[in-house]
C-alpha atoms as a PDB file:
ATOM      1  CA  MET A   1     271.841 178.672  60.506  1.00  0.00           C
ATOM      2  CA  LEU A   2     269.848 175.490  61.561  1.00  0.00           C
ATOM      3  CA  LEU A   3     267.134 176.875  59.472  1.00  0.00           C
ATOM      4  CA  LYS A   4     269.150 176.825  56.447  1.00  0.00           C
ATOM      5  CA  SER A   5     270.028 173.472  57.016  1.00  0.00           C
ATOM      6  CA  ILE A   6     266.332 172.250  58.133  1.00  0.00           C
ATOM      7  CA  ILE A   7     265.205 173.703  54.761  1.00  0.00           C
ATOM      8  CA  SER A   8     268.042 172.233  52.454  1.00  0.00           C
ATOM      9  CA  LYS A   9     267.356 169.323  53.772  1.00  0.00           C
ATOM     10  CA  THR A  10     263.888 169.448  52.645  1.00  0.00           C
ATOM     11  CA  SER A  11     262.552 168.819  49.267  1.00  0.00           C
ATOM     12  CA  PRO A  12     261.095 171.856  47.138  1.00  0.00           C
ATOM     13  CA  ALA A  13     257.497 170.418  47.745  1.00  0.00           C
ATOM     14  CA  ALA A  14     257.715 170.256  51.599  1.00  0.00           C
ATOM     15  CA  THR A  15     259.132 173.759  51.474  1.00  0.00           C
ATOM     16  CA  THR A  16     256.244 175.197  49.420  1.00  0.00           C
ATOM     17  CA  ARG A  17     253.473 173.124  51.765  1.00  0.00           C
ATOM     18  CA  ILE A  18     255.010 174.705  54.721  1.00  0.00           C
ATOM     19  CA  ALA A  19     255.460 178.008  53.680  1.00  0.00           C
ATOM     20  CA  HIS A  20     251.373 177.719  52.259  1.00  0.00           C
ATOM     21  CA  ARG A  21     250.377 176.809  55.403  1.00  0.00           C
ATOM     22  CA  ALA A  22     251.827 179.590  57.334  1.00  0.00           C
ATOM     23  CA  PHE A  23     250.450 181.831  54.780  1.00  0.00           C
ATOM     24  CA  SER A  24     247.157 180.578  54.939  1.00  0.00           C
ATOM     25  CA  ALA A  25     247.049 180.828  58.277  1.00  0.00           C
ATOM     26  CA  ALA A  26     247.766 184.420  58.433  1.00  0.00           C
ATOM     27  CA  ALA A  27     245.150 184.785  55.867  1.00  0.00           C
ATOM     28  CA  ALA A  28     242.299 184.109  58.274  1.00  0.00           C
ATOM     29  CA  GLN A  29     242.617 186.188  60.809  1.00  0.00           C
ATOM     30  CA  ASN A  30     239.210 187.577  61.908  1.00  0.00           C
ATOM     31  CA  HIS A  31     237.737 190.877  62.688  1.00  0.00           C
ATOM     32  CA  GLN A  32     234.887 191.805  64.411  1.00  0.00           C
ATOM     33  CA  PHE A  33     231.885 193.515  63.175  1.00  0.00           C
ATOM     34  CA  ILE A  34     228.333 195.173  64.923  1.00  0.00           C
ATOM     35  CA  VAL A  35     225.426 194.654  62.611  1.00  0.00           C
ATOM     36  CA  ILE A  36     222.856 196.913  63.273  1.00  0.00           C
ATOM     37  CA  ALA A  37     219.088 196.244  61.292  1.00  0.00           C
ATOM     38  CA  ARG A  38     216.213 197.966  61.597  1.00  0.00           C
ATOM     39  CA  ASP A  39     212.455 196.285  60.865  1.00  0.00           C
ATOM     40  CA  TYR A  40     210.316 197.217  58.515  1.00  0.00           C
ATOM     41  CA  LYS A  41     207.488 199.607  60.258  1.00  0.00           C
ATOM     42  CA  ASP A  42     204.230 198.489  58.140  1.00  0.00           C
ATOM     43  CA  ALA A  43     201.939 196.991  60.328  1.00  0.00           C
ATOM     44  CA  GLU A  44     202.659 193.507  59.266  1.00  0.00           C
ATOM     45  CA  ALA A  45     206.151 193.954  60.436  1.00  0.00           C
ATOM     46  CA  LEU A  46     205.735 192.440  63.647  1.00  0.00           C
ATOM     47  CA  ASN A  47     203.789 189.539  62.575  1.00  0.00           C
ATOM     48  CA  ARG A  48     206.476 188.440  59.802  1.00  0.00           C
ATOM     49  CA  ARG A  49     208.955 188.806  62.643  1.00  0.00           C
ATOM     50  CA  GLN A  50     207.083 186.239  64.884  1.00  0.00           C
ATOM     51  CA  SER A  51     206.617 183.944  62.341  1.00  0.00           C
ATOM     52  CA  VAL A  52     209.925 183.488  60.850  1.00  0.00           C
ATOM     53  CA  ARG A  53     211.645 184.011  64.611  1.00  0.00           C
ATOM     54  CA  PRO A  54     212.183 180.072  64.995  1.00  0.00           C
ATOM     55  CA  LYS A  55     214.194 179.841  62.101  1.00  0.00           C
ATOM     56  CA  HIS A  56     216.006 182.854  62.547  1.00  0.00           C
ATOM     57  CA  LEU A  57     216.956 182.052  65.721  1.00  0.00           C
ATOM     58  CA  GLU A  58     217.585 178.179  64.674  1.00  0.00           C
ATOM     59  CA  GLY A  59     220.468 179.772  62.298  1.00  0.00           C
ATOM     60  CA  ALA A  60     222.135 182.363  64.986  1.00  0.00           C
ATOM     61  CA  THR A  61     222.329 179.280  67.115  1.00  0.00           C
ATOM     62  CA  ALA A  62     223.806 177.739  64.280  1.00  0.00           C
ATOM     63  CA  LEU A  63     226.739 180.730  63.906  1.00  0.00           C
ATOM     64  CA  LYS A  64     227.053 180.943  67.289  1.00  0.00           C
ATOM     65  CA  LYS A  65     228.034 177.397  67.914  1.00  0.00           C
ATOM     66  CA  SER A  66     230.310 177.554  64.268  1.00  0.00           C
ATOM     67  CA  GLY A  67     231.815 181.176  66.522  1.00  0.00           C
ATOM     68  CA  LYS A  68     230.759 183.716  63.945  1.00  0.00           C
ATOM     69  CA  LEU A  69     227.886 185.188  65.919  1.00  0.00           C
ATOM     70  CA  GLN A  70     229.470 186.648  69.481  1.00  0.00           C
ATOM     71  CA  LEU A  71     226.072 188.133  71.062  1.00  0.00           C
ATOM     72  CA  GLY A  72     223.134 189.134  69.347  1.00  0.00           C
ATOM     73  CA  GLY A  73     219.256 190.710  70.259  1.00  0.00           C
ATOM     74  CA  ALA A  74     216.150 192.967  69.753  1.00  0.00           C
ATOM     75  CA  LEU A  75     216.384 196.382  69.446  1.00  0.00           C
ATOM     76  CA  LEU A  76     213.235 197.662  71.898  1.00  0.00           C
ATOM     77  CA  THR A  77     211.328 200.787  71.909  1.00  0.00           C
ATOM     78  CA  ASP A  78     211.920 200.929  75.969  1.00  0.00           C
ATOM     79  CA  HIS A  79     212.192 198.579  78.493  1.00  0.00           C
ATOM     80  CA  THR A  80     208.354 198.413  79.362  1.00  0.00           C
ATOM     81  CA  GLU A  81     205.756 195.706  79.002  1.00  0.00           C
ATOM     82  CA  THR A  82     204.199 197.713  75.809  1.00  0.00           C
ATOM     83  CA  GLY A  83     208.087 198.285  74.439  1.00  0.00           C
ATOM     84  CA  LYS A  84     208.470 196.657  70.640  1.00  0.00           C
ATOM     85  CA  MET A  85     211.254 195.065  68.598  1.00  0.00           C
ATOM     86  CA  ILE A  86     212.213 197.561  66.660  1.00  0.00           C
ATOM     87  CA  GLY A  87     215.284 196.161  65.153  1.00  0.00           C
ATOM     88  CA  SER A  88     218.229 193.401  65.887  1.00  0.00           C
ATOM     89  CA  ILE A  89     222.088 194.120  66.987  1.00  0.00           C
ATOM     90  CA  MET A  90     224.453 191.795  66.341  1.00  0.00           C
ATOM     91  CA  ILE A  91     228.499 191.046  66.914  1.00  0.00           C
ATOM     92  CA  PHE A  92     230.413 188.603  64.700  1.00  0.00           C
ATOM     93  CA  GLU A  93     233.403 187.571  64.123  1.00  0.00           C
ATOM     94  CA  ALA A  94     234.576 186.860  60.384  1.00  0.00           C
ATOM     95  CA  GLU A  95     236.767 187.006  57.936  1.00  0.00           C
ATOM     96  CA  SER A  96     235.798 190.279  56.340  1.00  0.00           C
ATOM     97  CA  GLN A  97     232.676 192.498  55.839  1.00  0.00           C
ATOM     98  CA  GLU A  98     231.575 191.142  52.555  1.00  0.00           C
ATOM     99  CA  GLU A  99     231.925 187.686  54.582  1.00  0.00           C
ATOM    100  CA  VAL A 100     228.611 189.041  57.266  1.00  0.00           C
ATOM    101  CA  VAL A 101     226.936 190.543  54.009  1.00  0.00           C
ATOM    102  CA  LYS A 102     226.265 187.175  53.005  1.00  0.00           C
ATOM    103  CA  ILE A 103     225.358 185.930  56.109  1.00  0.00           C
ATOM    104  CA  ILE A 104     223.020 188.162  57.049  1.00  0.00           C
ATOM    105  CA  GLU A 105     221.824 188.182  54.113  1.00  0.00           C
ATOM    106  CA  LYS A 106     220.782 184.591  54.154  1.00  0.00           C
ATOM    107  CA  ASP A 107     219.048 185.216  57.283  1.00  0.00           C
ATOM    108  CA  GLU A 108     215.104 184.539  57.608  1.00  0.00           C
ATOM    109  CA  TYR A 109     214.716 187.961  58.690  1.00  0.00           C
ATOM    110  CA  VAL A 110     216.236 189.113  55.617  1.00  0.00           C
ATOM    111  CA  THR A 111     214.353 186.633  52.970  1.00  0.00           C
ATOM    112  CA  GLY A 112     211.074 187.091  55.566  1.00  0.00           C
ATOM    113  CA  LYS A 113     211.125 190.878  54.869  1.00  0.00           C
ATOM    114  CA  VAL A 114     211.569 191.433  58.727  1.00  0.00           C
ATOM    115  CA  TRP A 115     214.492 194.014  58.218  1.00  0.00           C
ATOM    116  CA  GLU A 116     214.223 196.597  56.074  1.00  0.00           C
ATOM    117  CA  ASN A 117     218.121 197.820  56.308  1.00  0.00           C
ATOM    118  CA  TYR A 118     221.270 196.898  58.048  1.00  0.00           C
ATOM    119  CA  GLN A 119     224.831 198.279  58.577  1.00  0.00           C
ATOM    120  CA  VAL A 120     227.516 196.120  58.921  1.00  0.00           C
ATOM    121  CA  ILE A 121     230.433 198.099  60.982  1.00  0.00           C
ATOM    122  CA  PRO A 122     233.935 197.149  61.439  1.00  0.00           C
ATOM    123  CA  PHE A 123     234.404 196.885  65.257  1.00  0.00           C
ATOM    124  CA  ARG A 124     237.047 196.040  67.986  1.00  0.00           C
ATOM    125  CA  SER A 125     236.031 195.058  70.766  1.00  0.00           C
ATOM    126  CA  ALA A 126     238.617 196.608  74.100  1.00  0.00           C
ATOM    127  CA  LYS A 127     240.970 194.243  75.734  1.00  0.00           C
ATOM    128  CA  PHE A 128     240.093 195.039  79.867  1.00  0.00           C
END
Protein backbone atom coordinates (compact mmCIF):
# COMPACT_ATOMS: atom_id res chain seq x y z
CA MET A 1 0.00 0.00 0.00
CA LEU A 2 2.84 2.41 0.83
CA LEU A 3 4.44 1.73 -2.55
CA LYS A 4 1.17 2.58 -4.32
CA SER A 5 0.91 5.90 -2.56
CA ILE A 6 4.51 6.81 -3.40
CA ILE A 7 4.04 5.95 -7.07
CA SER A 8 0.75 7.81 -7.30
CA LYS A 9 2.43 10.96 -5.93
CA THR A 10 5.24 10.95 -8.50
CA SER A 11 4.93 12.14 -12.05
CA PRO A 12 4.86 9.54 -14.86
CA ALA A 13 8.28 10.78 -16.01
CA ALA A 14 9.78 10.19 -12.55
CA THR A 15 8.26 6.72 -12.44
CA THR A 16 9.76 5.97 -15.85
CA ARG A 17 13.18 7.20 -14.73
CA ILE A 18 13.07 5.04 -11.61
CA ALA A 19 12.02 2.00 -13.62
CA HIS A 20 14.69 2.72 -16.22
CA ARG A 21 17.43 2.94 -13.60
CA ALA A 22 16.40 -0.35 -12.03
CA PHE A 23 16.37 -2.01 -15.47
CA SER A 24 19.76 -0.56 -16.43
CA ALA A 25 21.40 -1.77 -13.24
CA ALA A 26 20.08 -5.29 -13.81
CA ALA A 27 21.16 -5.29 -17.46
CA ALA A 28 24.77 -4.41 -16.58
CA GLN A 29 25.51 -7.74 -14.89
CA ASN A 30 29.07 -8.85 -15.52
CA HIS A 31 30.27 -12.37 -16.19
CA GLN A 32 33.71 -13.97 -16.08
CA PHE A 33 35.57 -15.30 -19.11
CA ILE A 34 38.87 -17.10 -19.54
CA VAL A 35 40.88 -16.24 -22.62
CA ILE A 36 43.51 -18.68 -23.83
CA ALA A 37 45.65 -17.23 -26.61
CA ARG A 38 48.31 -19.17 -28.51
CA ASP A 39 51.30 -17.51 -30.16
CA TYR A 40 52.36 -17.97 -33.76
CA LYS A 41 55.10 -20.58 -34.06
CA ASP A 42 57.23 -19.02 -36.79
CA ALA A 43 60.88 -18.04 -36.23
CA GLU A 44 60.01 -14.34 -35.68
CA ALA A 45 57.12 -14.89 -33.25
CA LEU A 46 59.16 -14.26 -30.08
CA ASN A 47 60.73 -11.13 -31.58
CA ARG A 48 57.27 -9.75 -32.43
CA ARG A 49 56.10 -10.55 -28.88
CA GLN A 50 59.05 -8.71 -27.33
CA SER A 51 58.68 -5.69 -29.62
CA VAL A 52 55.00 -5.02 -28.80
CA ARG A 53 55.09 -6.24 -25.19
CA PRO A 54 55.40 -2.76 -23.58
CA LYS A 55 52.24 -1.53 -25.36
CA HIS A 56 50.47 -4.82 -24.57
CA LEU A 57 51.29 -4.42 -20.87
CA GLU A 58 50.21 -0.77 -20.94
CA GLY A 59 46.82 -1.83 -22.29
CA ALA A 60 46.58 -4.68 -19.78
CA THR A 61 47.32 -2.26 -16.93
CA ALA A 62 44.49 0.03 -18.08
CA LEU A 63 42.11 -2.96 -18.34
CA LYS A 64 43.12 -4.07 -14.83
CA LYS A 65 42.42 -0.59 -13.45
CA SER A 66 39.01 -0.56 -15.16
CA GLY A 67 38.10 -3.89 -13.53
CA LYS A 68 37.72 -5.70 -16.87
CA LEU A 69 40.94 -7.73 -16.59
CA GLN A 70 41.18 -9.75 -13.40
CA LEU A 71 44.36 -11.74 -14.09
CA GLY A 72 46.75 -12.35 -16.96
CA GLY A 73 50.08 -13.90 -17.77
CA ALA A 74 52.19 -15.90 -20.18
CA LEU A 75 51.78 -19.57 -21.04
CA LEU A 76 55.17 -21.29 -20.91
CA THR A 77 56.66 -24.44 -22.36
CA ASP A 78 58.03 -25.13 -18.86
CA HIS A 79 59.51 -23.39 -15.81
CA THR A 80 63.15 -23.95 -16.68
CA GLU A 81 65.48 -21.14 -17.73
CA THR A 82 65.08 -22.28 -21.34
CA GLY A 83 61.27 -22.30 -21.12
CA LYS A 84 59.62 -20.17 -23.79
CA MET A 85 56.49 -18.03 -23.86
CA ILE A 86 53.97 -19.74 -26.14
CA GLY A 87 50.79 -17.83 -25.41
CA SER A 88 48.76 -16.05 -22.78
CA ILE A 89 45.92 -16.67 -20.38
CA MET A 90 43.61 -14.02 -18.98
CA ILE A 91 40.50 -13.81 -16.84
CA PHE A 92 38.08 -11.02 -17.75
CA GLU A 93 34.94 -9.69 -16.15
CA ALA A 94 32.59 -8.25 -18.77
CA GLU A 95 28.94 -8.00 -19.78
CA SER A 96 29.31 -10.44 -22.66
CA GLN A 97 31.61 -12.71 -24.60
CA GLU A 98 31.35 -10.25 -27.50
CA GLU A 99 32.73 -7.47 -25.29
CA VAL A 100 35.77 -9.61 -24.46
CA VAL A 101 36.32 -10.41 -28.15
CA LYS A 102 36.27 -6.67 -28.96
CA ILE A 103 38.86 -6.03 -26.25
CA ILE A 104 41.10 -8.87 -27.45
CA GLU A 105 40.85 -7.81 -31.11
CA LYS A 106 42.30 -4.39 -30.17
CA ASP A 107 45.19 -5.89 -28.16
CA GLU A 108 48.73 -5.27 -29.41
CA TYR A 109 49.33 -9.02 -29.43
CA VAL A 110 46.56 -9.46 -32.01
CA THR A 111 47.36 -6.42 -34.14
CA GLY A 112 51.09 -7.16 -33.84
CA LYS A 113 50.60 -10.78 -34.96
CA VAL A 114 51.79 -12.36 -31.70
CA TRP A 115 48.62 -14.36 -30.99
CA GLU A 116 47.71 -16.72 -33.80
CA ASN A 117 44.39 -17.68 -32.23
CA TYR A 118 42.47 -17.40 -28.99
CA GLN A 119 39.47 -18.86 -27.20
CA VAL A 120 37.02 -16.94 -25.02
CA ILE A 121 35.43 -19.37 -22.59
CA PRO A 122 32.62 -18.57 -20.10
CA PHE A 123 33.85 -19.11 -16.55
CA ARG A 124 32.64 -18.78 -12.98
CA SER A 125 35.12 -18.64 -10.12
CA ALA A 126 34.32 -20.74 -7.08
CA LYS A 127 33.20 -19.01 -3.91
CA PHE A 128 35.43 -20.37 -1.14
